[in-house]
Amino acid sequence: MNMLNKLDHRWIRLTLGQHWITALVSSKLSTIPPEPVIPSKKPFKVELVGGKRYSWCSCGHSKKQPFCDGAHKTKAQGLSPLRFVPEKDSTVWLCGCKYTNNQPYCDGTHKQDFIVSAPLHGQTNS
């Protein structure tokens, strides 16, 4: 969606020059958060401790899946981990594909074609 109308473009072009338009439009487009990568096509079975704070990786870049190791700060700026505290000790399935609609828990999205046919993060096509 372009936030500037034709008059705005004309005024900016006449006042600041063409290169500022490109910078302004580019900055608007770069605010869209990146898509997560898929580190696993299956959920992670984990034992959670009630009252403990967890950070679920939402970007897929963490090497400590399914939990965050801070990789989003350099590899997926715009995505943040989901912090949560379970009420009681429990065994749960945390999403591995990062596309669940019930974050951080698996909802079966990994069974959909767009996940099944996608490459895993770090996988090469050779």
Protein backbone atom coordinates (compact mmCIF):
# COMPACT_ATOMS: atom_id res chain seq x y z
CA MET A 1 0.00 0.00 0.00
CA ASN A 2 1.50 3.32 -1.04
CA MET A 3 0.97 6.01 1.62
CA LEU A 4 1.90 8.89 -0.68
CA ASN A 5 -0.38 10.36 -3.32
CA LYS A 6 0.70 11.96 -6.60
CA LEU A 7 0.83 15.47 -5.17
CA ASP A 8 3.05 14.29 -2.32
CA HIS A 9 5.41 12.64 -4.82
CA ARG A 10 5.54 15.78 -6.94
CA TRP A 11 6.21 18.06 -3.97
CA ILE A 12 8.94 15.74 -2.62
CA ARG A 13 10.54 15.38 -6.07
CA LEU A 14 10.60 19.15 -6.60
CA THR A 15 11.74 19.91 -3.06
CA LEU A 16 14.15 17.12 -2.22
CA GLY A 17 15.01 15.41 -5.46
CA GLN A 18 14.24 11.99 -6.90
CA HIS A 19 16.67 9.99 -4.71
CA TRP A 20 14.72 10.93 -1.56
CA ILE A 21 11.54 9.39 -2.99
CA THR A 22 13.32 6.08 -3.48
CA ALA A 23 14.65 6.19 0.10
CA LEU A 24 11.24 7.08 1.53
CA VAL A 25 9.36 4.37 -0.38
CA SER A 26 12.06 1.80 0.44
CA SER A 27 11.82 2.61 4.15
CA LYS A 28 8.04 2.03 4.05
CA LEU A 29 8.50 -1.38 2.40
CA SER A 30 11.19 -2.55 4.81
CA THR A 31 8.79 -2.37 7.79
CA ILE A 32 7.16 -5.64 6.74
CA PRO A 33 8.45 -8.37 9.08
CA PRO A 34 10.25 -11.29 7.43
CA GLU A 35 8.66 -14.70 7.06
CA PRO A 36 9.94 -17.37 9.46
CA VAL A 37 12.10 -20.19 8.11
CA ILE A 38 11.09 -23.80 8.73
CA PRO A 39 13.54 -25.58 11.05
CA SER A 40 11.38 -28.70 11.47
CA LYS A 41 8.33 -30.19 9.80
CA LYS A 42 7.31 -31.87 13.05
CA PRO A 43 6.51 -30.44 16.48
CA PHE A 44 8.90 -30.64 19.44
CA LYS A 45 7.76 -32.66 22.46
CA VAL A 46 8.92 -30.79 25.56
CA GLU A 47 8.49 -30.97 29.31
CA LEU A 48 7.53 -27.56 30.68
CA VAL A 49 7.83 -26.49 34.31
CA GLY A 50 4.87 -24.56 35.69
CA GLY A 51 5.70 -20.95 36.57
CA LYS A 52 8.92 -20.93 34.53
CA ARG A 53 9.31 -18.35 31.74
CA TYR A 54 10.05 -19.70 28.23
CA SER A 55 10.88 -17.97 24.95
CA TRP A 56 9.60 -19.89 21.92
CA CYS A 57 11.51 -19.17 18.70
CA SER A 58 9.14 -17.63 16.15
CA CYS A 59 11.71 -16.99 13.40
CA GLY A 60 13.10 -20.51 12.93
CA HIS A 61 16.76 -19.46 13.02
CA SER A 62 17.54 -20.53 16.60
CA LYS A 63 19.97 -23.40 17.06
CA LYS A 64 18.17 -24.26 20.34
CA GLN A 65 14.80 -25.19 18.79
CA PRO A 66 12.06 -24.82 19.76
CA PHE A 67 13.40 -22.13 22.05
CA CYS A 68 14.99 -18.77 21.22
CA ASP A 69 18.76 -18.23 21.24
CA GLY A 70 18.62 -14.61 20.00
CA ALA A 71 19.29 -15.41 16.32
CA HIS A 72 16.33 -13.22 15.27
CA LYS A 73 18.36 -10.14 16.23
CA THR A 74 20.63 -10.60 13.21
CA LYS A 75 18.82 -13.03 10.93
CA ALA A 76 15.14 -12.05 11.25
CA GLN A 77 14.85 -8.49 12.48
CA GLY A 78 11.16 -7.75 12.92
CA LEU A 79 10.36 -11.14 14.43
CA SER A 80 10.50 -11.69 18.18
CA PRO A 81 10.24 -14.75 20.37
CA LEU A 82 6.95 -15.56 22.06
CA ARG A 83 7.42 -15.46 25.81
CA PHE A 84 5.08 -17.59 27.89
CA VAL A 85 4.72 -19.07 31.36
CA PRO A 86 2.79 -22.35 31.73
CA GLU A 87 0.50 -22.56 34.76
CA LYS A 88 1.57 -26.10 35.69
CA ASP A 89 4.12 -28.76 34.80
CA SER A 90 3.11 -30.37 31.52
CA THR A 91 4.24 -32.26 28.45
CA VAL A 92 3.36 -30.29 25.31
CA TRP A 93 4.05 -30.23 21.58
CA LEU A 94 5.58 -26.91 20.51
CA CYS A 95 5.38 -25.90 16.86
CA GLY A 96 8.46 -26.67 14.77
CA CYS A 97 7.33 -25.24 11.42
CA LYS A 98 6.65 -21.76 12.90
CA TYR A 99 3.34 -21.35 11.05
CA THR A 100 0.92 -22.52 13.76
CA ASN A 101 -2.14 -20.40 14.47
CA ASN A 102 -1.91 -21.40 18.15
CA GLN A 103 1.59 -20.15 19.06
CA PRO A 104 3.64 -21.66 20.58
CA TYR A 105 1.69 -24.91 20.40
CA CYS A 106 1.41 -27.19 17.38
CA ASP A 107 -1.96 -27.07 15.63
CA GLY A 108 -1.14 -29.46 12.78
CA THR A 109 -0.23 -26.77 10.25
CA HIS A 110 2.95 -28.75 9.41
CA LYS A 111 0.70 -31.27 7.61
CA GLN A 112 -0.45 -28.67 5.04
CA ASP A 113 1.00 -28.77 1.52
CA PHE A 114 2.84 -25.45 1.77
CA ILE A 115 4.90 -26.82 4.68
CA VAL A 116 5.26 -30.38 3.37
CA SER A 117 6.63 -29.14 0.03
CA ALA A 118 8.89 -26.42 1.49
CA PRO A 119 12.60 -27.00 2.10
CA LEU A 120 13.85 -27.10 5.68
CA HIS A 121 16.02 -24.19 6.77
CA GLY A 122 19.64 -24.97 5.97
CA GLN A 123 18.70 -27.75 3.54
CA THR A 124 20.30 -27.58 0.10
CA ASN A 125 18.77 -28.83 -3.13
CA SER A 126 21.66 -30.97 -4.32
